[in-house]
Amino acid sequence: MEIKLTGRHMEITDAIREYAESKAGKLPRYFDRTKAAEIVAERIHDEFEVEMIAHVDHADPFVARTRGEDLYACIDDLVSKMERQLTDHKQKLRNRKHPG
C-alpha cells in the first residue's frame, strides 16, 4: 500500500513519518482493497490538525480528520477512525443481498 505523508506549516521528521507509515500500513488488514493513504498534518497555533484520505477499489475515498495537541495521539485517533470506516464498509459489502 502506498502511503503519502505531507506537512503544512511544519516539518515531517523521520520519526513521525515512520510512526505514521507503520500505523497506516495496518489498514489493509481491515479492508484488503485499500490501495493508498494520504496523510496531511497541519500545525495551527499550538494544535495539530491531521487528515487521512484512504483510496480503495470500487468506492469513493474515505476521509477522517482529527485535531489535538499531541501529533502521535492524533495519528492514533485518525487510524482508529479510518479502521472503523473500512470495517463498516466491508460489513456493508458482505451483507448485501444478491438477487437470484
PDB file of N, CA and C in Angstrom:
ATOM      1  N   MET A   1       0.846  -1.176   0.000  1.00  0.00           N
ATOM      2  CA  MET A   1       0.000   0.000   0.000  1.00  0.00           C
ATOM      3  C   MET A   1       0.893   1.241   0.000  1.00  0.00           C
ATOM      4  N   GLU A   2       0.507   2.204  -0.791  1.00  0.00           N
ATOM      5  CA  GLU A   2       1.266   3.446  -0.896  1.00  0.00           C
ATOM      6  C   GLU A   2       0.779   4.431   0.174  1.00  0.00           C
ATOM      7  N   ILE A   3       1.727   5.017   0.898  1.00  0.00           N
ATOM      8  CA  ILE A   3       1.385   5.982   1.942  1.00  0.00           C
ATOM      9  C   ILE A   3       2.132   7.271   1.671  1.00  0.00           C
ATOM     10  N   LYS A   4       1.383   8.380   1.596  1.00  0.00           N
ATOM     11  CA  LYS A   4       1.986   9.689   1.325  1.00  0.00           C
ATOM     12  C   LYS A   4       1.716  10.583   2.538  1.00  0.00           C
ATOM     13  N   LEU A   5       2.773  11.142   3.077  1.00  0.00           N
ATOM     14  CA  LEU A   5       2.659  11.989   4.264  1.00  0.00           C
ATOM     15  C   LEU A   5       3.145  13.389   3.938  1.00  0.00           C
ATOM     16  N   THR A   6       2.320  14.391   4.225  1.00  0.00           N
ATOM     17  CA  THR A   6       2.643  15.777   3.906  1.00  0.00           C
ATOM     18  C   THR A   6       2.446  16.639   5.142  1.00  0.00           C
ATOM     19  N   GLY A   7       3.300  17.639   5.303  1.00  0.00           N
ATOM     20  CA  GLY A   7       3.153  18.580   6.413  1.00  0.00           C
ATOM     21  C   GLY A   7       2.886  19.977   5.897  1.00  0.00           C
ATOM     22  N   ARG A   8       1.941  20.654   6.540  1.00  0.00           N
ATOM     23  CA  ARG A   8       1.662  22.065   6.210  1.00  0.00           C
ATOM     24  C   ARG A   8       2.076  22.901   7.412  1.00  0.00           C
ATOM     25  N   HIS A   9       2.894  23.893   7.182  1.00  0.00           N
ATOM     26  CA  HIS A   9       3.384  24.771   8.245  1.00  0.00           C
ATOM     27  C   HIS A   9       4.151  24.006   9.315  1.00  0.00           C
ATOM     28  N   MET A  10       4.720  22.876   8.930  1.00  0.00           N
ATOM     29  CA  MET A  10       5.522  22.081   9.860  1.00  0.00           C
ATOM     30  C   MET A  10       6.392  21.123   9.067  1.00  0.00           C
ATOM     31  N   GLU A  11       7.426  20.635   9.702  1.00  0.00           N
ATOM     32  CA  GLU A  11       8.310  19.686   9.050  1.00  0.00           C
ATOM     33  C   GLU A  11       7.976  18.277   9.542  1.00  0.00           C
ATOM     34  N   ILE A  12       7.923  17.340   8.615  1.00  0.00           N
ATOM     35  CA  ILE A  12       7.674  15.947   8.976  1.00  0.00           C
ATOM     36  C   ILE A  12       9.027  15.290   9.237  1.00  0.00           C
ATOM     37  N   THR A  13       9.284  14.936  10.487  1.00  0.00           N
ATOM     38  CA  THR A  13      10.558  14.300  10.828  1.00  0.00           C
ATOM     39  C   THR A  13      10.508  12.824  10.441  1.00  0.00           C
ATOM     40  N   ASP A  14      11.672  12.197  10.417  1.00  0.00           N
ATOM     41  CA  ASP A  14      11.729  10.768  10.094  1.00  0.00           C
ATOM     42  C   ASP A  14      10.951   9.944  11.109  1.00  0.00           C
ATOM     43  N   ALA A  15      11.018  10.338  12.380  1.00  0.00           N
ATOM     44  CA  ALA A  15      10.301   9.607  13.431  1.00  0.00           C
ATOM     45  C   ALA A  15       8.785   9.665  13.200  1.00  0.00           C
ATOM     46  N   ILE A  16       8.282  10.839  12.865  1.00  0.00           N
ATOM     47  CA  ILE A  16       6.845  10.993  12.605  1.00  0.00           C
ATOM     48  C   ILE A  16       6.460  10.191  11.365  1.00  0.00           C
ATOM     49  N   ARG A  17       7.269  10.283  10.317  1.00  0.00           N
ATOM     50  CA  ARG A  17       6.988   9.550   9.079  1.00  0.00           C
ATOM     51  C   ARG A  17       6.933   8.042   9.342  1.00  0.00           C
ATOM     52  N   GLU A  18       7.914   7.551  10.076  1.00  0.00           N
ATOM     53  CA  GLU A  18       7.983   6.119  10.372  1.00  0.00           C
ATOM     54  C   GLU A  18       6.769   5.672  11.190  1.00  0.00           C
ATOM     55  N   TYR A  19       6.406   6.482  12.195  1.00  0.00           N
ATOM     56  CA  TYR A  19       5.265   6.167  13.053  1.00  0.00           C
ATOM     57  C   TYR A  19       3.961   6.134  12.244  1.00  0.00           C
ATOM     58  N   ALA A  20       3.743   7.167  11.440  1.00  0.00           N
ATOM     59  CA  ALA A  20       2.516   7.264  10.639  1.00  0.00           C
ATOM     60  C   ALA A  20       2.434   6.125   9.624  1.00  0.00           C
ATOM     61  N   GLU A  21       3.562   5.802   8.988  1.00  0.00           N
ATOM     62  CA  GLU A  21       3.555   4.733   7.995  1.00  0.00           C
ATOM     63  C   GLU A  21       3.311   3.368   8.638  1.00  0.00           C
ATOM     64  N   SER A  22       3.855   3.145   9.835  1.00  0.00           N
ATOM     65  CA  SER A  22       3.632   1.855  10.495  1.00  0.00           C
ATOM     66  C   SER A  22       2.165   1.712  10.909  1.00  0.00           C
ATOM     67  N   LYS A  23       1.559   2.805  11.369  1.00  0.00           N
ATOM     68  CA  LYS A  23       0.142   2.768  11.767  1.00  0.00           C
ATOM     69  C   LYS A  23      -0.772   2.620  10.553  1.00  0.00           C
ATOM     70  N   ALA A  24      -0.570   3.455   9.531  1.00  0.00           N
ATOM     71  CA  ALA A  24      -1.426   3.422   8.342  1.00  0.00           C
ATOM     72  C   ALA A  24      -1.211   2.135   7.550  1.00  0.00           C
ATOM     73  N   GLY A  25      -0.045   1.544   7.662  1.00  0.00           N
ATOM     74  CA  GLY A  25       0.248   0.300   6.950  1.00  0.00           C
ATOM     75  C   GLY A  25      -0.614  -0.870   7.390  1.00  0.00           C
ATOM     76  N   LYS A  26      -1.276  -0.728   8.538  1.00  0.00           N
ATOM     77  CA  LYS A  26      -2.140  -1.799   9.053  1.00  0.00           C
ATOM     78  C   LYS A  26      -3.554  -1.747   8.465  1.00  0.00           C
ATOM     79  N   LEU A  27      -3.886  -0.685   7.753  1.00  0.00           N
ATOM     80  CA  LEU A  27      -5.256  -0.527   7.235  1.00  0.00           C
ATOM     81  C   LEU A  27      -5.711  -1.661   6.310  1.00  0.00           C
ATOM     82  N   PRO A  28      -4.843  -2.210   5.443  1.00  0.00           N
ATOM     83  CA  PRO A  28      -5.320  -3.302   4.586  1.00  0.00           C
ATOM     84  C   PRO A  28      -5.802  -4.533   5.368  1.00  0.00           C
ATOM     85  N   ARG A  29      -5.425  -4.655   6.630  1.00  0.00           N
ATOM     86  CA  ARG A  29      -5.954  -5.746   7.466  1.00  0.00           C
ATOM     87  C   ARG A  29      -7.463  -5.650   7.623  1.00  0.00           C
ATOM     88  N   TYR A  30      -7.954  -4.413   7.657  1.00  0.00           N
ATOM     89  CA  TYR A  30      -9.380  -4.189   7.878  1.00  0.00           C
ATOM     90  C   TYR A  30     -10.179  -4.236   6.592  1.00  0.00           C
ATOM     91  N   PHE A  31      -9.547  -3.859   5.493  1.00  0.00           N
ATOM     92  CA  PHE A  31     -10.198  -3.939   4.182  1.00  0.00           C
ATOM     93  C   PHE A  31      -9.106  -4.127   3.154  1.00  0.00           C
ATOM     94  N   ASP A  32      -9.055  -5.303   2.546  1.00  0.00           N
ATOM     95  CA  ASP A  32      -7.915  -5.657   1.696  1.00  0.00           C
ATOM     96  C   ASP A  32      -7.844  -4.910   0.370  1.00  0.00           C
ATOM     97  N   ARG A  33      -8.874  -4.166   0.011  1.00  0.00           N
ATOM     98  CA  ARG A  33      -8.823  -3.400  -1.239  1.00  0.00           C
ATOM     99  C   ARG A  33      -8.315  -1.978  -1.028  1.00  0.00           C
ATOM    100  N   THR A  34      -7.733  -1.704   0.131  1.00  0.00           N
ATOM    101  CA  THR A  34      -7.154  -0.390   0.404  1.00  0.00           C
ATOM    102  C   THR A  34      -5.865  -0.261  -0.387  1.00  0.00           C
ATOM    103  N   LYS A  35      -5.804   0.709  -1.276  1.00  0.00           N
ATOM    104  CA  LYS A  35      -4.660   0.857  -2.183  1.00  0.00           C
ATOM    105  C   LYS A  35      -3.661   1.916  -1.747  1.00  0.00           C
ATOM    106  N   ALA A  36      -4.148   3.025  -1.203  1.00  0.00           N
ATOM    107  CA  ALA A  36      -3.249   4.123  -0.849  1.00  0.00           C
ATOM    108  C   ALA A  36      -3.858   4.964   0.264  1.00  0.00           C
ATOM    109  N   ALA A  37      -2.997   5.646   0.983  1.00  0.00           N
ATOM    110  CA  ALA A  37      -3.450   6.563   2.029  1.00  0.00           C
ATOM    111  C   ALA A  37      -2.631   7.843   1.941  1.00  0.00           C
ATOM    112  N   GLU A  38      -3.330   8.955   2.027  1.00  0.00           N
ATOM    113  CA  GLU A  38      -2.665  10.260   2.075  1.00  0.00           C
ATOM    114  C   GLU A  38      -2.914  10.838   3.456  1.00  0.00           C
ATOM    115  N   ILE A  39      -1.854  11.269   4.110  1.00  0.00           N
ATOM    116  CA  ILE A  39      -1.987  11.880   5.429  1.00  0.00           C
ATOM    117  C   ILE A  39      -1.425  13.292   5.336  1.00  0.00           C
ATOM    118  N   VAL A  40      -2.241  14.253   5.767  1.00  0.00           N
ATOM    119  CA  VAL A  40      -1.802  15.650   5.766  1.00  0.00           C
ATOM    120  C   VAL A  40      -1.854  16.153   7.204  1.00  0.00           C
ATOM    121  N   ALA A  41      -0.702  16.535   7.728  1.00  0.00           N
ATOM    122  CA  ALA A  41      -0.619  17.083   9.085  1.00  0.00           C
ATOM    123  C   ALA A  41      -0.389  18.582   8.983  1.00  0.00           C
ATOM    124  N   GLU A  42      -1.173  19.327   9.733  1.00  0.00           N
ATOM    125  CA  GLU A  42      -1.071  20.788   9.677  1.00  0.00           C
ATOM    126  C   GLU A  42      -0.950  21.339  11.088  1.00  0.00           C
ATOM    127  N   ARG A  43      -0.064  22.271  11.264  1.00  0.00           N
ATOM    128  CA  ARG A  43       0.086  22.915  12.572  1.00  0.00           C
ATOM    129  C   ARG A  43      -0.735  24.198  12.566  1.00  0.00           C
ATOM    130  N   ILE A  44      -1.652  24.303  13.527  1.00  0.00           N
ATOM    131  CA  ILE A  44      -2.475  25.508  13.666  1.00  0.00           C
ATOM    132  C   ILE A  44      -2.239  26.019  15.087  1.00  0.00           C
ATOM    133  N   HIS A  45      -1.482  27.067  15.213  1.00  0.00           N
ATOM    134  CA  HIS A  45      -1.062  27.633  16.503  1.00  0.00           C
ATOM    135  C   HIS A  45      -0.385  26.543  17.336  1.00  0.00           C
ATOM    136  N   ASP A  46      -0.988  26.132  18.456  1.00  0.00           N
ATOM    137  CA  ASP A  46      -0.346  25.119  19.288  1.00  0.00           C
ATOM    138  C   ASP A  46      -1.032  23.759  19.161  1.00  0.00           C
ATOM    139  N   GLU A  47      -1.810  23.571  18.107  1.00  0.00           N
ATOM    140  CA  GLU A  47      -2.501  22.302  17.879  1.00  0.00           C
ATOM    141  C   GLU A  47      -2.112  21.728  16.520  1.00  0.00           C
ATOM    142  N   PHE A  48      -2.409  20.446  16.370  1.00  0.00           N
ATOM    143  CA  PHE A  48      -2.209  19.782  15.087  1.00  0.00           C
ATOM    144  C   PHE A  48      -3.564  19.360  14.548  1.00  0.00           C
ATOM    145  N   GLU A  49      -3.752  19.531  13.241  1.00  0.00           N
ATOM    146  CA  GLU A  49      -4.935  19.001  12.578  1.00  0.00           C
ATOM    147  C   GLU A  49      -4.429  17.999  11.552  1.00  0.00           C
ATOM    148  N   VAL A  50      -4.916  16.775  11.661  1.00  0.00           N
ATOM    149  CA  VAL A  50      -4.426  15.709  10.792  1.00  0.00           C
ATOM    150  C   VAL A  50      -5.606  15.121  10.029  1.00  0.00           C
ATOM    151  N   GLU A  51      -5.402  14.914   8.732  1.00  0.00           N
ATOM    152  CA  GLU A  51      -6.452  14.366   7.867  1.00  0.00           C
ATOM    153  C   GLU A  51      -5.879  13.180   7.109  1.00  0.00           C
ATOM    154  N   MET A  52      -6.691  12.138   6.964  1.00  0.00           N
ATOM    155  CA  MET A  52      -6.271  10.976   6.180  1.00  0.00           C
ATOM    156  C   MET A  52      -7.326  10.692   5.125  1.00  0.00           C
ATOM    157  N   ILE A  53      -6.850  10.439   3.920  1.00  0.00           N
ATOM    158  CA  ILE A  53      -7.724  10.038   2.819  1.00  0.00           C
ATOM    159  C   ILE A  53      -7.263   8.658   2.376  1.00  0.00           C
ATOM    160  N   ALA A  54      -8.144   7.681   2.494  1.00  0.00           N
ATOM    161  CA  ALA A  54      -7.802   6.310   2.088  1.00  0.00           C
ATOM    162  C   ALA A  54      -8.487   6.000   0.771  1.00  0.00           C
ATOM    163  N   HIS A  55      -7.712   5.559  -0.193  1.00  0.00           N
ATOM    164  CA  HIS A  55      -8.238   5.201  -1.503  1.00  0.00           C
ATOM    165  C   HIS A  55      -8.420   3.691  -1.568  1.00  0.00           C
ATOM    166  N   VAL A  56      -9.644   3.270  -1.924  1.00  0.00           N
ATOM    167  CA  VAL A  56      -9.944   1.843  -2.026  1.00  0.00           C
ATOM    168  C   VAL A  56     -10.543   1.556  -3.399  1.00  0.00           C
ATOM    169  N   ASP A  57     -10.443   0.300  -3.820  1.00  0.00           N
ATOM    170  CA  ASP A  57     -11.020  -0.099  -5.104  1.00  0.00           C
ATOM    171  C   ASP A  57     -12.542  -0.032  -5.048  1.00  0.00           C
ATOM    172  N   HIS A  58     -13.148   0.412  -6.132  1.00  0.00           N
ATOM    173  CA  HIS A  58     -14.599   0.385  -6.336  1.00  0.00           C
ATOM    174  C   HIS A  58     -15.392   1.143  -5.273  1.00  0.00           C
ATOM    175  N   ALA A  59     -14.817   2.214  -4.733  1.00  0.00           N
ATOM    176  CA  ALA A  59     -15.552   3.041  -3.766  1.00  0.00           C
ATOM    177  C   ALA A  59     -14.930   4.430  -3.743  1.00  0.00           C
ATOM    178  N   ASP A  60     -15.707   5.384  -3.253  1.00  0.00           N
ATOM    179  CA  ASP A  60     -15.174   6.729  -3.081  1.00  0.00           C
ATOM    180  C   ASP A  60     -14.126   6.701  -1.973  1.00  0.00           C
ATOM    181  N   PRO A  61     -13.202   7.643  -1.982  1.00  0.00           N
ATOM    182  CA  PRO A  61     -12.195   7.681  -0.912  1.00  0.00           C
ATOM    183  C   PRO A  61     -12.840   7.915   0.461  1.00  0.00           C
ATOM    184  N   PHE A  62     -12.248   7.327   1.478  1.00  0.00           N
ATOM    185  CA  PHE A  62     -12.710   7.533   2.848  1.00  0.00           C
ATOM    186  C   PHE A  62     -11.861   8.634   3.463  1.00  0.00           C
ATOM    187  N   VAL A  63     -12.503   9.515   4.244  1.00  0.00           N
ATOM    188  CA  VAL A  63     -11.798  10.654   4.835  1.00  0.00           C
ATOM    189  C   VAL A  63     -12.018  10.657   6.343  1.00  0.00           C
ATOM    190  N   ALA A  64     -10.941  10.890   7.088  1.00  0.00           N
ATOM    191  CA  ALA A  64     -11.035  11.042   8.537  1.00  0.00           C
ATOM    192  C   ALA A  64     -10.177  12.234   8.942  1.00  0.00           C
ATOM    193  N   ARG A  65     -10.668  12.984   9.942  1.00  0.00           N
ATOM    194  CA  ARG A  65      -9.929  14.157  10.437  1.00  0.00           C
ATOM    195  C   ARG A  65      -9.904  14.128  11.956  1.00  0.00           C
ATOM    196  N   THR A  66      -8.848  14.672  12.514  1.00  0.00           N
ATOM    197  CA  THR A  66      -8.780  14.816  13.964  1.00  0.00           C
ATOM    198  C   THR A  66      -7.894  16.000  14.306  1.00  0.00           C
ATOM    199  N   ARG A  67      -8.032  16.462  15.545  1.00  0.00           N
ATOM    200  CA  ARG A  67      -7.305  17.648  15.988  1.00  0.00           C
ATOM    201  C   ARG A  67      -6.863  17.455  17.434  1.00  0.00           C
ATOM    202  N   GLY A  68      -5.664  17.889  17.764  1.00  0.00           N
ATOM    203  CA  GLY A  68      -5.203  17.765  19.139  1.00  0.00           C
ATOM    204  C   GLY A  68      -3.828  18.359  19.323  1.00  0.00           C
ATOM    205  N   GLU A  69      -3.344  18.315  20.567  1.00  0.00           N
ATOM    206  CA  GLU A  69      -2.052  18.922  20.882  1.00  0.00           C
ATOM    207  C   GLU A  69      -0.882  17.979  20.651  1.00  0.00           C
ATOM    208  N   ASP A  70      -1.137  16.658  20.695  1.00  0.00           N
ATOM    209  CA  ASP A  70      -0.072  15.671  20.508  1.00  0.00           C
ATOM    210  C   ASP A  70      -0.219  15.023  19.138  1.00  0.00           C
ATOM    211  N   LEU A  71       0.785  15.184  18.296  1.00  0.00           N
ATOM    212  CA  LEU A  71       0.716  14.673  16.925  1.00  0.00           C
ATOM    213  C   LEU A  71       0.588  13.158  16.888  1.00  0.00           C
ATOM    214  N   TYR A  72       1.319  12.464  17.763  1.00  0.00           N
ATOM    215  CA  TYR A  72       1.263  10.994  17.785  1.00  0.00           C
ATOM    216  C   TYR A  72      -0.128  10.508  18.192  1.00  0.00           C
ATOM    217  N   ALA A  73      -0.736  11.167  19.176  1.00  0.00           N
ATOM    218  CA  ALA A  73      -2.092  10.813  19.604  1.00  0.00           C
ATOM    219  C   ALA A  73      -3.093  11.071  18.471  1.00  0.00           C
ATOM    220  N   CYS A  74      -2.875  12.154  17.721  1.00  0.00           N
ATOM    221  CA  CYS A  74      -3.741  12.471  16.578  1.00  0.00           C
ATOM    222  C   CYS A  74      -3.657  11.367  15.530  1.00  0.00           C
ATOM    223  N   ILE A  75      -2.438  10.890  15.260  1.00  0.00           N
ATOM    224  CA  ILE A  75      -2.257   9.830  14.263  1.00  0.00           C
ATOM    225  C   ILE A  75      -2.971   8.559  14.727  1.00  0.00           C
ATOM    226  N   ASP A  76      -2.847   8.211  16.014  1.00  0.00           N
ATOM    227  CA  ASP A  76      -3.544   7.036  16.553  1.00  0.00           C
ATOM    228  C   ASP A  76      -5.056   7.168  16.381  1.00  0.00           C
ATOM    229  N   ASP A  77      -5.584   8.341  16.746  1.00  0.00           N
ATOM    230  CA  ASP A  77      -7.020   8.592  16.653  1.00  0.00           C
ATOM    231  C   ASP A  77      -7.492   8.512  15.206  1.00  0.00           C
ATOM    232  N   LEU A  78      -6.701   9.072  14.315  1.00  0.00           N
ATOM    233  CA  LEU A  78      -7.019   9.089  12.892  1.00  0.00           C
ATOM    234  C   LEU A  78      -7.093   7.665  12.335  1.00  0.00           C
ATOM    235  N   VAL A  79      -6.107   6.854  12.673  1.00  0.00           N
ATOM    236  CA  VAL A  79      -6.069   5.478  12.171  1.00  0.00           C
ATOM    237  C   VAL A  79      -7.244   4.682  12.723  1.00  0.00           C
ATOM    238  N   SER A  80      -7.608   4.894  13.990  1.00  0.00           N
ATOM    239  CA  SER A  80      -8.749   4.150  14.539  1.00  0.00           C
ATOM    240  C   SER A  80     -10.063   4.578  13.877  1.00  0.00           C
ATOM    241  N   LYS A  81     -10.193   5.862  13.553  1.00  0.00           N
ATOM    242  CA  LYS A  81     -11.385   6.321  12.831  1.00  0.00           C
ATOM    243  C   LYS A  81     -11.456   5.676  11.440  1.00  0.00           C
ATOM    244  N   MET A  82     -10.312   5.597  10.779  1.00  0.00           N
ATOM    245  CA  MET A  82     -10.266   5.009   9.440  1.00  0.00           C
ATOM    246  C   MET A  82     -10.539   3.503   9.506  1.00  0.00           C
ATOM    247  N   GLU A  83     -10.014   2.830  10.527  1.00  0.00           N
ATOM    248  CA  GLU A  83     -10.280   1.399  10.696  1.00  0.00           C
ATOM    249  C   GLU A  83     -11.779   1.163  10.808  1.00  0.00           C
ATOM    250  N   ARG A  84     -12.448   2.024  11.564  1.00  0.00           N
ATOM    251  CA  ARG A  84     -13.885   1.894  11.760  1.00  0.00           C
ATOM    252  C   ARG A  84     -14.631   2.057  10.427  1.00  0.00           C
ATOM    253  N   GLN A  85     -14.253   3.060   9.647  1.00  0.00           N
ATOM    254  CA  GLN A  85     -14.915   3.290   8.359  1.00  0.00           C
ATOM    255  C   GLN A  85     -14.710   2.110   7.413  1.00  0.00           C
ATOM    256  N   LEU A  86     -13.479   1.597   7.366  1.00  0.00           N
ATOM    257  CA  LEU A  86     -13.187   0.487   6.464  1.00  0.00           C
ATOM    258  C   LEU A  86     -13.905  -0.787   6.907  1.00  0.00           C
ATOM    259  N   THR A  87     -13.963  -1.028   8.219  1.00  0.00           N
ATOM    260  CA  THR A  87     -14.658  -2.201   8.741  1.00  0.00           C
ATOM    261  C   THR A  87     -16.151  -2.118   8.419  1.00  0.00           C
ATOM    262  N   ASP A  88     -16.735  -0.938   8.622  1.00  0.00           N
ATOM    263  CA  ASP A  88     -18.162  -0.756   8.303  1.00  0.00           C
ATOM    264  C   ASP A  88     -18.426  -0.972   6.822  1.00  0.00           C
ATOM    265  N   HIS A  89     -17.542  -0.478   5.983  1.00  0.00           N
ATOM    266  CA  HIS A  89     -17.698  -0.641   4.537  1.00  0.00           C
ATOM    267  C   HIS A  89     -17.627  -2.117   4.154  1.00  0.00           C
ATOM    268  N   LYS A  90     -16.696  -2.826   4.748  1.00  0.00           N
ATOM    269  CA  LYS A  90     -16.539  -4.252   4.469  1.00  0.00           C
ATOM    270  C   LYS A  90     -17.792  -5.020   4.889  1.00  0.00           C
ATOM    271  N   GLN A  91     -18.343  -4.677   6.058  1.00  0.00           N
ATOM    272  CA  GLN A  91     -19.575  -5.318   6.538  1.00  0.00           C
ATOM    273  C   GLN A  91     -20.734  -5.037   5.586  1.00  0.00           C
ATOM    274  N   LYS A  92     -20.802  -3.809   5.098  1.00  0.00           N
ATOM    275  CA  LYS A  92     -21.868  -3.428   4.179  1.00  0.00           C
ATOM    276  C   LYS A  92     -21.788  -4.263   2.899  1.00  0.00           C
ATOM    277  N   LEU A  93     -20.558  -4.434   2.401  1.00  0.00           N
ATOM    278  CA  LEU A  93     -20.378  -5.241   1.190  1.00  0.00           C
ATOM    279  C   LEU A  93     -20.743  -6.697   1.438  1.00  0.00           C
ATOM    280  N   ARG A  94     -20.361  -7.217   2.590  1.00  0.00           N
ATOM    281  CA  ARG A  94     -20.637  -8.613   2.919  1.00  0.00           C
ATOM    282  C   ARG A  94     -22.121  -8.899   3.088  1.00  0.00           C
ATOM    283  N   ASN A  95     -22.838  -7.931   3.637  1.00  0.00           N
ATOM    284  CA  ASN A  95     -24.246  -8.144   3.965  1.00  0.00           C
ATOM    285  C   ASN A  95     -25.196  -7.828   2.819  1.00  0.00           C
ATOM    286  N   ARG A  96     -24.649  -7.495   1.667  1.00  0.00           N
ATOM    287  CA  ARG A  96     -25.500  -7.231   0.507  1.00  0.00           C
ATOM    288  C   ARG A  96     -26.246  -8.489   0.102  1.00  0.00           C
ATOM    289  N   LYS A  97     -27.467  -8.300  -0.229  1.00  0.00           N
ATOM    290  CA  LYS A  97     -28.265  -9.443  -0.722  1.00  0.00           C
ATOM    291  C   LYS A  97     -28.105  -9.526  -2.235  1.00  0.00           C
ATOM    292  N   HIS A  98     -27.720 -10.677  -2.707  1.00  0.00           N
ATOM    293  CA  HIS A  98     -27.577 -10.877  -4.148  1.00  0.00           C
ATOM    294  C   HIS A  98     -28.860 -11.488  -4.706  1.00  0.00           C
ATOM    295  N   PRO A  99     -29.448 -10.839  -5.713  1.00  0.00           N
ATOM    296  CA  PRO A  99     -30.701 -11.380  -6.269  1.00  0.00           C
ATOM    297  C   PRO A  99     -30.459 -12.693  -6.999  1.00  0.00           C
ATOM    298  N   GLY A 100     -31.444 -13.541  -6.923  1.00  0.00           N
ATOM    299  CA  GLY A 100     -31.418 -14.743  -7.713  1.00  0.00           C
ATOM    300  C   GLY A 100     -30.903 -15.894  -6.991  1.00  0.00           C
TER     301      GLY A 100
END
